[in-house]
Amino acid sequence: MDKKAVLVIISDFRKILEASGVRPQKLVLFGSFANGNEHQDSDIDIAVISEDFEGKGYWERIDLLSDAIYKIFKPIEAVAMTPKEWQQNDSLIANYARGGEVVYG
């Protein structure tokens, strides 16, 4: 899968999220597709930054993302963060994702 195909998948993923009530302020591609080290079995790593995750627990966020991933049926690995968490979270995954490529927002 080339980068152009990945960007189309991400755009479709965003539309599915929006239809389910999650309005991303930003989508960040990180991992192998962002740094050009993808291989045949690579998944698409995406950080979804949305105010709609505010007040939602970890599992509720996972459910929202999983439903969208199921509908698009593509190899997506997504992480959900609020804008505040994106700016202030010091977790390993947040720090790694911040080094990615903003593909929306």
PDB file of N, CA and C in Angstrom:
ATOM      1  N   MET A   1       0.849  -1.166   0.000  1.00  0.00           N
ATOM      2  CA  MET A   1       0.000   0.000   0.000  1.00  0.00           C
ATOM      3  C   MET A   1       0.901   1.237   0.000  1.00  0.00           C
ATOM      4  N   ASP A   2       0.612   2.172  -0.892  1.00  0.00           N
ATOM      5  CA  ASP A   2       1.437   3.378  -0.951  1.00  0.00           C
ATOM      6  C   ASP A   2       0.821   4.501  -0.108  1.00  0.00           C
ATOM      7  N   LYS A   3       1.554   5.580   0.029  1.00  0.00           N
ATOM      8  CA  LYS A   3       1.142   6.688   0.897  1.00  0.00           C
ATOM      9  C   LYS A   3      -0.174   7.299   0.428  1.00  0.00           C
ATOM     10  N   LYS A   4      -0.366   7.399  -0.884  1.00  0.00           N
ATOM     11  CA  LYS A   4      -1.605   7.968  -1.414  1.00  0.00           C
ATOM     12  C   LYS A   4      -2.804   7.129  -0.976  1.00  0.00           C
ATOM     13  N   ALA A   5      -2.675   5.821  -1.043  1.00  0.00           N
ATOM     14  CA  ALA A   5      -3.752   4.928  -0.609  1.00  0.00           C
ATOM     15  C   ALA A   5      -4.018   5.080   0.885  1.00  0.00           C
ATOM     16  N   VAL A   6      -2.958   5.245   1.662  1.00  0.00           N
ATOM     17  CA  VAL A   6      -3.094   5.443   3.110  1.00  0.00           C
ATOM     18  C   VAL A   6      -3.869   6.730   3.392  1.00  0.00           C
ATOM     19  N   LEU A   7      -3.574   7.791   2.671  1.00  0.00           N
ATOM     20  CA  LEU A   7      -4.266   9.062   2.885  1.00  0.00           C
ATOM     21  C   LEU A   7      -5.745   8.963   2.523  1.00  0.00           C
ATOM     22  N   VAL A   8      -6.077   8.190   1.503  1.00  0.00           N
ATOM     23  CA  VAL A   8      -7.483   7.962   1.141  1.00  0.00           C
ATOM     24  C   VAL A   8      -8.185   7.191   2.260  1.00  0.00           C
ATOM     25  N   ILE A   9      -7.530   6.179   2.793  1.00  0.00           N
ATOM     26  CA  ILE A   9      -8.098   5.397   3.899  1.00  0.00           C
ATOM     27  C   ILE A   9      -8.331   6.296   5.111  1.00  0.00           C
ATOM     28  N   ILE A  10      -7.372   7.154   5.422  1.00  0.00           N
ATOM     29  CA  ILE A  10      -7.513   8.059   6.565  1.00  0.00           C
ATOM     30  C   ILE A  10      -8.676   9.024   6.343  1.00  0.00           C
ATOM     31  N   SER A  11      -8.837   9.521   5.136  1.00  0.00           N
ATOM     32  CA  SER A  11      -9.954  10.409   4.825  1.00  0.00           C
ATOM     33  C   SER A  11     -11.285   9.684   5.019  1.00  0.00           C
ATOM     34  N   ASP A  12     -11.370   8.457   4.549  1.00  0.00           N
ATOM     35  CA  ASP A  12     -12.587   7.655   4.733  1.00  0.00           C
ATOM     36  C   ASP A  12     -12.837   7.378   6.213  1.00  0.00           C
ATOM     37  N   PHE A  13     -11.781   7.097   6.957  1.00  0.00           N
ATOM     38  CA  PHE A  13     -11.875   6.855   8.395  1.00  0.00           C
ATOM     39  C   PHE A  13     -12.422   8.099   9.102  1.00  0.00           C
ATOM     40  N   ARG A  14     -11.926   9.272   8.720  1.00  0.00           N
ATOM     41  CA  ARG A  14     -12.408  10.529   9.301  1.00  0.00           C
ATOM     42  C   ARG A  14     -13.898  10.700   9.051  1.00  0.00           C
ATOM     43  N   LYS A  15     -14.353  10.419   7.849  1.00  0.00           N
ATOM     44  CA  LYS A  15     -15.777  10.560   7.516  1.00  0.00           C
ATOM     45  C   LYS A  15     -16.634   9.613   8.351  1.00  0.00           C
ATOM     46  N   ILE A  16     -16.155   8.404   8.563  1.00  0.00           N
ATOM     47  CA  ILE A  16     -16.887   7.442   9.399  1.00  0.00           C
ATOM     48  C   ILE A  16     -16.934   7.929  10.841  1.00  0.00           C
ATOM     49  N   LEU A  17     -15.815   8.440  11.344  1.00  0.00           N
ATOM     50  CA  LEU A  17     -15.797   8.993  12.700  1.00  0.00           C
ATOM     51  C   LEU A  17     -16.809  10.128  12.826  1.00  0.00           C
ATOM     52  N   GLU A  18     -16.806  11.034  11.859  1.00  0.00           N
ATOM     53  CA  GLU A  18     -17.725  12.170  11.903  1.00  0.00           C
ATOM     54  C   GLU A  18     -19.175  11.708  11.880  1.00  0.00           C
ATOM     55  N   ALA A  19     -19.475  10.690  11.080  1.00  0.00           N
ATOM     56  CA  ALA A  19     -20.837  10.155  11.017  1.00  0.00           C
ATOM     57  C   ALA A  19     -21.264   9.540  12.346  1.00  0.00           C
ATOM     58  N   SER A  20     -20.288   9.096  13.136  1.00  0.00           N
ATOM     59  CA  SER A  20     -20.602   8.501  14.437  1.00  0.00           C
ATOM     60  C   SER A  20     -20.565   9.535  15.569  1.00  0.00           C
ATOM     61  N   GLY A  21     -20.328  10.804  15.231  1.00  0.00           N
ATOM     62  CA  GLY A  21     -20.358  11.864  16.231  1.00  0.00           C
ATOM     63  C   GLY A  21     -19.009  12.286  16.771  1.00  0.00           C
ATOM     64  N   VAL A  22     -17.932  11.757  16.232  1.00  0.00           N
ATOM     65  CA  VAL A  22     -16.586  12.164  16.648  1.00  0.00           C
ATOM     66  C   VAL A  22     -16.034  13.098  15.571  1.00  0.00           C
ATOM     67  N   ARG A  23     -15.837  14.361  15.940  1.00  0.00           N
ATOM     68  CA  ARG A  23     -15.327  15.351  14.993  1.00  0.00           C
ATOM     69  C   ARG A  23     -13.859  15.609  15.285  1.00  0.00           C
ATOM     70  N   PRO A  24     -12.977  15.001  14.514  1.00  0.00           N
ATOM     71  CA  PRO A  24     -11.546  15.203  14.762  1.00  0.00           C
ATOM     72  C   PRO A  24     -11.119  16.641  14.470  1.00  0.00           C
ATOM     73  N   GLN A  25     -10.356  17.214  15.396  1.00  0.00           N
ATOM     74  CA  GLN A  25      -9.721  18.497  15.120  1.00  0.00           C
ATOM     75  C   GLN A  25      -8.411  18.253  14.368  1.00  0.00           C
ATOM     76  N   LYS A  26      -7.838  17.072  14.614  1.00  0.00           N
ATOM     77  CA  LYS A  26      -6.556  16.750  14.003  1.00  0.00           C
ATOM     78  C   LYS A  26      -6.436  15.234  13.894  1.00  0.00           C
ATOM     79  N   LEU A  27      -5.855  14.774  12.784  1.00  0.00           N
ATOM     80  CA  LEU A  27      -5.465  13.376  12.601  1.00  0.00           C
ATOM     81  C   LEU A  27      -3.976  13.370  12.301  1.00  0.00           C
ATOM     82  N   VAL A  28      -3.249  12.552  13.044  1.00  0.00           N
ATOM     83  CA  VAL A  28      -1.797  12.504  12.891  1.00  0.00           C
ATOM     84  C   VAL A  28      -1.387  11.080  12.540  1.00  0.00           C
ATOM     85  N   LEU A  29      -0.758  10.941  11.392  1.00  0.00           N
ATOM     86  CA  LEU A  29      -0.207   9.661  10.966  1.00  0.00           C
ATOM     87  C   LEU A  29       1.165   9.511  11.605  1.00  0.00           C
ATOM     88  N   PHE A  30       1.374   8.399  12.300  1.00  0.00           N
ATOM     89  CA  PHE A  30       2.682   8.158  12.895  1.00  0.00           C
ATOM     90  C   PHE A  30       3.065   6.706  12.651  1.00  0.00           C
ATOM     91  N   GLY A  31       4.242   6.336  13.060  1.00  0.00           N
ATOM     92  CA  GLY A  31       4.692   4.965  12.852  1.00  0.00           C
ATOM     93  C   GLY A  31       5.314   4.777  11.479  1.00  0.00           C
ATOM     94  N   SER A  32       5.267   3.545  11.003  1.00  0.00           N
ATOM     95  CA  SER A  32       6.022   3.177   9.804  1.00  0.00           C
ATOM     96  C   SER A  32       5.588   3.927   8.544  1.00  0.00           C
ATOM     97  N   PHE A  33       4.287   4.188   8.375  1.00  0.00           N
ATOM     98  CA  PHE A  33       3.861   4.912   7.174  1.00  0.00           C
ATOM     99  C   PHE A  33       4.282   6.375   7.219  1.00  0.00           C
ATOM    100  N   ALA A  34       4.381   6.940   8.385  1.00  0.00           N
ATOM    101  CA  ALA A  34       4.809   8.339   8.502  1.00  0.00           C
ATOM    102  C   ALA A  34       6.301   8.493   8.254  1.00  0.00           C
ATOM    103  N   ASN A  35       7.084   7.504   8.681  1.00  0.00           N
ATOM    104  CA  ASN A  35       8.538   7.650   8.529  1.00  0.00           C
ATOM    105  C   ASN A  35       9.108   6.878   7.345  1.00  0.00           C
ATOM    106  N   GLY A  36       8.232   6.289   6.528  1.00  0.00           N
ATOM    107  CA  GLY A  36       8.685   5.631   5.311  1.00  0.00           C
ATOM    108  C   GLY A  36       9.281   4.252   5.501  1.00  0.00           C
ATOM    109  N   ASN A  37       9.035   3.629   6.647  1.00  0.00           N
ATOM    110  CA  ASN A  37       9.574   2.293   6.921  1.00  0.00           C
ATOM    111  C   ASN A  37       8.513   1.203   6.873  1.00  0.00           C
ATOM    112  N   GLU A  38       7.411   1.471   6.170  1.00  0.00           N
ATOM    113  CA  GLU A  38       6.326   0.488   6.126  1.00  0.00           C
ATOM    114  C   GLU A  38       6.748  -0.769   5.377  1.00  0.00           C
ATOM    115  N   HIS A  39       6.081  -1.850   5.709  1.00  0.00           N
ATOM    116  CA  HIS A  39       6.287  -3.121   5.016  1.00  0.00           C
ATOM    117  C   HIS A  39       4.922  -3.730   4.748  1.00  0.00           C
ATOM    118  N   GLN A  40       4.884  -4.876   4.160  1.00  0.00           N
ATOM    119  CA  GLN A  40       3.635  -5.508   3.729  1.00  0.00           C
ATOM    120  C   GLN A  40       2.618  -5.651   4.862  1.00  0.00           C
ATOM    121  N   ASP A  41       3.060  -5.937   6.060  1.00  0.00           N
ATOM    122  CA  ASP A  41       2.151  -6.172   7.180  1.00  0.00           C
ATOM    123  C   ASP A  41       1.965  -4.958   8.088  1.00  0.00           C
ATOM    124  N   SER A  42       2.404  -3.795   7.657  1.00  0.00           N
ATOM    125  CA  SER A  42       2.279  -2.596   8.491  1.00  0.00           C
ATOM    126  C   SER A  42       0.824  -2.179   8.642  1.00  0.00           C
ATOM    127  N   ASP A  43       0.491  -1.726   9.850  1.00  0.00           N
ATOM    128  CA  ASP A  43      -0.815  -1.118  10.034  1.00  0.00           C
ATOM    129  C   ASP A  43      -0.657   0.398   9.925  1.00  0.00           C
ATOM    130  N   ILE A  44      -1.790   1.089   9.904  1.00  0.00           N
ATOM    131  CA  ILE A  44      -1.805   2.539   9.772  1.00  0.00           C
ATOM    132  C   ILE A  44      -2.034   3.112  11.166  1.00  0.00           C
ATOM    133  N   ASP A  45      -1.005   3.736  11.727  1.00  0.00           N
ATOM    134  CA  ASP A  45      -1.085   4.301  13.073  1.00  0.00           C
ATOM    135  C   ASP A  45      -1.587   5.740  12.987  1.00  0.00           C
ATOM    136  N   ILE A  46      -2.692   6.020  13.699  1.00  0.00           N
ATOM    137  CA  ILE A  46      -3.305   7.340  13.638  1.00  0.00           C
ATOM    138  C   ILE A  46      -3.640   7.821  15.047  1.00  0.00           C
ATOM    139  N   ALA A  47      -3.245   9.040  15.348  1.00  0.00           N
ATOM    140  CA  ALA A  47      -3.707   9.707  16.565  1.00  0.00           C
ATOM    141  C   ALA A  47      -4.909  10.556  16.171  1.00  0.00           C
ATOM    142  N   VAL A  48      -6.016  10.344  16.864  1.00  0.00           N
ATOM    143  CA  VAL A  48      -7.247  11.092  16.618  1.00  0.00           C
ATOM    144  C   VAL A  48      -7.409  12.086  17.766  1.00  0.00           C
ATOM    145  N   ILE A  49      -7.317  13.369  17.453  1.00  0.00           N
ATOM    146  CA  ILE A  49      -7.438  14.399  18.473  1.00  0.00           C
ATOM    147  C   ILE A  49      -8.795  15.062  18.296  1.00  0.00           C
ATOM    148  N   SER A  50      -9.625  14.960  19.344  1.00  0.00           N
ATOM    149  CA  SER A  50     -10.984  15.484  19.264  1.00  0.00           C
ATOM    150  C   SER A  50     -11.489  15.900  20.635  1.00  0.00           C
ATOM    151  N   GLU A  51     -12.177  17.023  20.681  1.00  0.00           N
ATOM    152  CA  GLU A  51     -12.825  17.458  21.912  1.00  0.00           C
ATOM    153  C   GLU A  51     -13.945  16.499  22.309  1.00  0.00           C
ATOM    154  N   ASP A  52     -14.429  15.725  21.354  1.00  0.00           N
ATOM    155  CA  ASP A  52     -15.511  14.781  21.630  1.00  0.00           C
ATOM    156  C   ASP A  52     -15.085  13.641  22.550  1.00  0.00           C
ATOM    157  N   PHE A  53     -13.796  13.484  22.798  1.00  0.00           N
ATOM    158  CA  PHE A  53     -13.322  12.461  23.737  1.00  0.00           C
ATOM    159  C   PHE A  53     -13.321  12.964  25.183  1.00  0.00           C
ATOM    160  N   GLU A  54     -13.550  14.266  25.353  1.00  0.00           N
ATOM    161  CA  GLU A  54     -13.570  14.856  26.695  1.00  0.00           C
ATOM    162  C   GLU A  54     -14.643  14.171  27.547  1.00  0.00           C
ATOM    163  N   GLY A  55     -14.258  13.754  28.737  1.00  0.00           N
ATOM    164  CA  GLY A  55     -15.189  13.116  29.663  1.00  0.00           C
ATOM    165  C   GLY A  55     -15.461  11.648  29.384  1.00  0.00           C
ATOM    166  N   LYS A  56     -14.854  11.113  28.346  1.00  0.00           N
ATOM    167  CA  LYS A  56     -15.029   9.700  28.018  1.00  0.00           C
ATOM    168  C   LYS A  56     -13.829   8.914  28.539  1.00  0.00           C
ATOM    169  N   GLY A  57     -14.104   7.766  29.099  1.00  0.00           N
ATOM    170  CA  GLY A  57     -13.045   6.912  29.606  1.00  0.00           C
ATOM    171  C   GLY A  57     -12.329   6.177  28.488  1.00  0.00           C
ATOM    172  N   TYR A  58     -11.281   5.488  28.870  1.00  0.00           N
ATOM    173  CA  TYR A  58     -10.443   4.753  27.919  1.00  0.00           C
ATOM    174  C   TYR A  58     -11.267   3.792  27.071  1.00  0.00           C
ATOM    175  N   TRP A  59     -12.095   2.966  27.710  1.00  0.00           N
ATOM    176  CA  TRP A  59     -12.834   1.936  26.976  1.00  0.00           C
ATOM    177  C   TRP A  59     -13.909   2.525  26.081  1.00  0.00           C
ATOM    178  N   GLU A  60     -14.523   3.605  26.498  1.00  0.00           N
ATOM    179  CA  GLU A  60     -15.521   4.257  25.654  1.00  0.00           C
ATOM    180  C   GLU A  60     -14.862   4.827  24.393  1.00  0.00           C
ATOM    181  N   ARG A  61     -13.686   5.391  24.563  1.00  0.00           N
ATOM    182  CA  ARG A  61     -12.934   5.895  23.407  1.00  0.00           C
ATOM    183  C   ARG A  61     -12.556   4.748  22.473  1.00  0.00           C
ATOM    184  N   ILE A  62     -12.089   3.655  23.061  1.00  0.00           N
ATOM    185  CA  ILE A  62     -11.723   2.477  22.258  1.00  0.00           C
ATOM    186  C   ILE A  62     -12.930   1.980  21.467  1.00  0.00           C
ATOM    187  N   ASP A  63     -14.097   1.946  22.109  1.00  0.00           N
ATOM    188  CA  ASP A  63     -15.313   1.505  21.417  1.00  0.00           C
ATOM    189  C   ASP A  63     -15.617   2.388  20.211  1.00  0.00           C
ATOM    190  N   LEU A  64     -15.512   3.700  20.386  1.00  0.00           N
ATOM    191  CA  LEU A  64     -15.781   4.624  19.282  1.00  0.00           C
ATOM    192  C   LEU A  64     -14.824   4.396  18.117  1.00  0.00           C
ATOM    193  N   LEU A  65     -13.542   4.283  18.429  1.00  0.00           N
ATOM    194  CA  LEU A  65     -12.545   4.066  17.378  1.00  0.00           C
ATOM    195  C   LEU A  65     -12.706   2.690  16.743  1.00  0.00           C
ATOM    196  N   SER A  66     -12.957   1.680  17.559  1.00  0.00           N
ATOM    197  CA  SER A  66     -13.093   0.308  17.052  1.00  0.00           C
ATOM    198  C   SER A  66     -14.276   0.180  16.107  1.00  0.00           C
ATOM    199  N   ASP A  67     -15.385   0.850  16.437  1.00  0.00           N
ATOM    200  CA  ASP A  67     -16.547   0.811  15.550  1.00  0.00           C
ATOM    201  C   ASP A  67     -16.199   1.377  14.175  1.00  0.00           C
ATOM    202  N   ALA A  68     -15.475   2.488  14.153  1.00  0.00           N
ATOM    203  CA  ALA A  68     -15.087   3.103  12.877  1.00  0.00           C
ATOM    204  C   ALA A  68     -14.105   2.214  12.121  1.00  0.00           C
ATOM    205  N   ILE A  69     -13.168   1.619  12.845  1.00  0.00           N
ATOM    206  CA  ILE A  69     -12.192   0.723  12.208  1.00  0.00           C
ATOM    207  C   ILE A  69     -12.900  -0.492  11.625  1.00  0.00           C
ATOM    208  N   TYR A  70     -13.871  -1.025  12.353  1.00  0.00           N
ATOM    209  CA  TYR A  70     -14.635  -2.182  11.870  1.00  0.00           C
ATOM    210  C   TYR A  70     -15.370  -1.832  10.578  1.00  0.00           C
ATOM    211  N   LYS A  71     -15.955  -0.636  10.527  1.00  0.00           N
ATOM    212  CA  LYS A  71     -16.719  -0.232   9.345  1.00  0.00           C
ATOM    213  C   LYS A  71     -15.823  -0.040   8.127  1.00  0.00           C
ATOM    214  N   ILE A  72     -14.632   0.489   8.330  1.00  0.00           N
ATOM    215  CA  ILE A  72     -13.740   0.719   7.189  1.00  0.00           C
ATOM    216  C   ILE A  72     -12.979  -0.549   6.812  1.00  0.00           C
ATOM    217  N   PHE A  73     -12.817  -1.442   7.770  1.00  0.00           N
ATOM    218  CA  PHE A  73     -12.182  -2.746   7.572  1.00  0.00           C
ATOM    219  C   PHE A  73     -10.804  -2.625   6.911  1.00  0.00           C
ATOM    220  N   LYS A  74      -9.980  -1.767   7.495  1.00  0.00           N
ATOM    221  CA  LYS A  74      -8.597  -1.574   7.054  1.00  0.00           C
ATOM    222  C   LYS A  74      -7.682  -1.722   8.266  1.00  0.00           C
ATOM    223  N   PRO A  75      -6.388  -1.969   8.044  1.00  0.00           N
ATOM    224  CA  PRO A  75      -5.463  -2.195   9.168  1.00  0.00           C
ATOM    225  C   PRO A  75      -5.068  -0.900   9.880  1.00  0.00           C
ATOM    226  N   ILE A  76      -6.005  -0.366  10.657  1.00  0.00           N
ATOM    227  CA  ILE A  76      -5.780   0.890  11.375  1.00  0.00           C
ATOM    228  C   ILE A  76      -5.586   0.603  12.853  1.00  0.00           C
ATOM    229  N   GLU A  77      -4.601   1.250  13.431  1.00  0.00           N
ATOM    230  CA  GLU A  77      -4.375   1.248  14.880  1.00  0.00           C
ATOM    231  C   GLU A  77      -4.497   2.707  15.303  1.00  0.00           C
ATOM    232  N   ALA A  78      -5.544   3.026  16.056  1.00  0.00           N
ATOM    233  CA  ALA A  78      -5.815   4.419  16.397  1.00  0.00           C
ATOM    234  C   ALA A  78      -5.741   4.646  17.899  1.00  0.00           C
ATOM    235  N   VAL A  79      -5.330   5.848  18.256  1.00  0.00           N
ATOM    236  CA  VAL A  79      -5.287   6.276  19.650  1.00  0.00           C
ATOM    237  C   VAL A  79      -6.091   7.574  19.753  1.00  0.00           C
ATOM    238  N   ALA A  80      -6.903   7.681  20.817  1.00  0.00           N
ATOM    239  CA  ALA A  80      -7.794   8.826  21.002  1.00  0.00           C
ATOM    240  C   ALA A  80      -7.256   9.761  22.076  1.00  0.00           C
ATOM    241  N   MET A  81      -7.260  11.060  21.774  1.00  0.00           N
ATOM    242  CA  MET A  81      -6.824  12.064  22.744  1.00  0.00           C
ATOM    243  C   MET A  81      -7.655  13.326  22.585  1.00  0.00           C
ATOM    244  N   THR A  82      -7.837  14.023  23.693  1.00  0.00           N
ATOM    245  CA  THR A  82      -8.417  15.360  23.623  1.00  0.00           C
ATOM    246  C   THR A  82      -7.299  16.322  23.210  1.00  0.00           C
ATOM    247  N   PRO A  83      -7.659  17.530  22.754  1.00  0.00           N
ATOM    248  CA  PRO A  83      -6.603  18.499  22.426  1.00  0.00           C
ATOM    249  C   PRO A  83      -5.681  18.788  23.617  1.00  0.00           C
ATOM    250  N   LYS A  84      -6.248  18.857  24.806  1.00  0.00           N
ATOM    251  CA  LYS A  84      -5.434  19.110  25.998  1.00  0.00           C
ATOM    252  C   LYS A  84      -4.463  17.954  26.241  1.00  0.00           C
ATOM    253  N   GLU A  85      -4.949  16.723  26.103  1.00  0.00           N
ATOM    254  CA  GLU A  85      -4.069  15.560  26.277  1.00  0.00           C
ATOM    255  C   GLU A  85      -2.968  15.554  25.224  1.00  0.00           C
ATOM    256  N   TRP A  86      -3.314  15.930  24.003  1.00  0.00           N
ATOM    257  CA  TRP A  86      -2.330  15.987  22.920  1.00  0.00           C
ATOM    258  C   TRP A  86      -1.195  16.942  23.274  1.00  0.00           C
ATOM    259  N   GLN A  87      -1.552  18.060  23.875  1.00  0.00           N
ATOM    260  CA  GLN A  87      -0.550  19.055  24.245  1.00  0.00           C
ATOM    261  C   GLN A  87       0.229  18.684  25.501  1.00  0.00           C
ATOM    262  N   GLN A  88      -0.440  18.042  26.463  1.00  0.00           N
ATOM    263  CA  GLN A  88       0.166  17.873  27.782  1.00  0.00           C
ATOM    264  C   GLN A  88       0.529  16.442  28.152  1.00  0.00           C
ATOM    265  N   ASN A  89      -0.024  15.464  27.481  1.00  0.00           N
ATOM    266  CA  ASN A  89       0.227  14.071  27.842  1.00  0.00           C
ATOM    267  C   ASN A  89       1.688  13.725  27.578  1.00  0.00           C
ATOM    268  N   ASP A  90       2.320  13.124  28.554  1.00  0.00           N
ATOM    269  CA  ASP A  90       3.738  12.790  28.440  1.00  0.00           C
ATOM    270  C   ASP A  90       3.957  11.288  28.285  1.00  0.00           C
ATOM    271  N   SER A  91       2.920  10.583  27.816  1.00  0.00           N
ATOM    272  CA  SER A  91       3.057   9.138  27.648  1.00  0.00           C
ATOM    273  C   SER A  91       3.954   8.822  26.451  1.00  0.00           C
ATOM    274  N   LEU A  92       4.441   7.622  26.418  1.00  0.00           N
ATOM    275  CA  LEU A  92       5.302   7.174  25.325  1.00  0.00           C
ATOM    276  C   LEU A  92       4.591   7.303  23.982  1.00  0.00           C
ATOM    277  N   ILE A  93       3.335   6.857  23.916  1.00  0.00           N
ATOM    278  CA  ILE A  93       2.606   6.889  22.650  1.00  0.00           C
ATOM    279  C   ILE A  93       2.337   8.326  22.205  1.00  0.00           C
ATOM    280  N   ALA A  94       2.002   9.214  23.136  1.00  0.00           N
ATOM    281  CA  ALA A  94       1.753  10.615  22.774  1.00  0.00           C
ATOM    282  C   ALA A  94       3.027  11.266  22.247  1.00  0.00           C
ATOM    283  N   ASN A  95       4.125  11.027  22.911  1.00  0.00           N
ATOM    284  CA  ASN A  95       5.399  11.591  22.454  1.00  0.00           C
ATOM    285  C   ASN A  95       5.776  11.057  21.082  1.00  0.00           C
ATOM    286  N   TYR A  96       5.554   9.778  20.852  1.00  0.00           N
ATOM    287  CA  TYR A  96       5.862   9.165  19.556  1.00  0.00           C
ATOM    288  C   TYR A  96       4.953   9.745  18.469  1.00  0.00           C
ATOM    289  N   ALA A  97       3.665   9.854  18.766  1.00  0.00           N
ATOM    290  CA  ALA A  97       2.708  10.357  17.781  1.00  0.00           C
ATOM    291  C   ALA A  97       2.985  11.815  17.419  1.00  0.00           C
ATOM    292  N   ARG A  98       3.435  12.608  18.366  1.00  0.00           N
ATOM    293  CA  ARG A  98       3.742  14.017  18.088  1.00  0.00           C
ATOM    294  C   ARG A  98       4.832  14.171  17.029  1.00  0.00           C
ATOM    295  N   GLY A  99       5.635  13.152  16.840  1.00  0.00           N
ATOM    296  CA  GLY A  99       6.660  13.184  15.806  1.00  0.00           C
ATOM    297  C   GLY A  99       6.135  12.782  14.444  1.00  0.00           C
ATOM    298  N   GLY A 100       4.826  12.521  14.363  1.00  0.00           N
ATOM    299  CA  GLY A 100       4.218  12.078  13.113  1.00  0.00           C
ATOM    300  C   GLY A 100       3.864  13.230  12.184  1.00  0.00           C
ATOM    301  N   GLU A 101       3.044  12.909  11.215  1.00  0.00           N
ATOM    302  CA  GLU A 101       2.655  13.848  10.164  1.00  0.00           C
ATOM    303  C   GLU A 101       1.173  14.193  10.308  1.00  0.00           C
ATOM    304  N   VAL A 102       0.870  15.467  10.471  1.00  0.00           N
ATOM    305  CA  VAL A 102      -0.528  15.897  10.532  1.00  0.00           C
ATOM    306  C   VAL A 102      -1.122  15.738   9.132  1.00  0.00           C
ATOM    307  N   VAL A 103      -2.162  14.918   9.028  1.00  0.00           N
ATOM    308  CA  VAL A 103      -2.781  14.665   7.727  1.00  0.00           C
ATOM    309  C   VAL A 103      -4.184  15.261   7.634  1.00  0.00           C
ATOM    310  N   TYR A 104      -4.657  15.792   8.768  1.00  0.00           N
ATOM    311  CA  TYR A 104      -5.935  16.501   8.787  1.00  0.00           C
ATOM    312  C   TYR A 104      -5.926  17.468   9.961  1.00  0.00           C
ATOM    313  N   GLY A 105      -6.415  18.677   9.710  1.00  0.00           N
ATOM    314  CA  GLY A 105      -6.570  19.650  10.792  1.00  0.00           C
ATOM    315  C   GLY A 105      -5.418  20.615  10.935  1.00  0.00           C
TER     316      GLY A 105
END
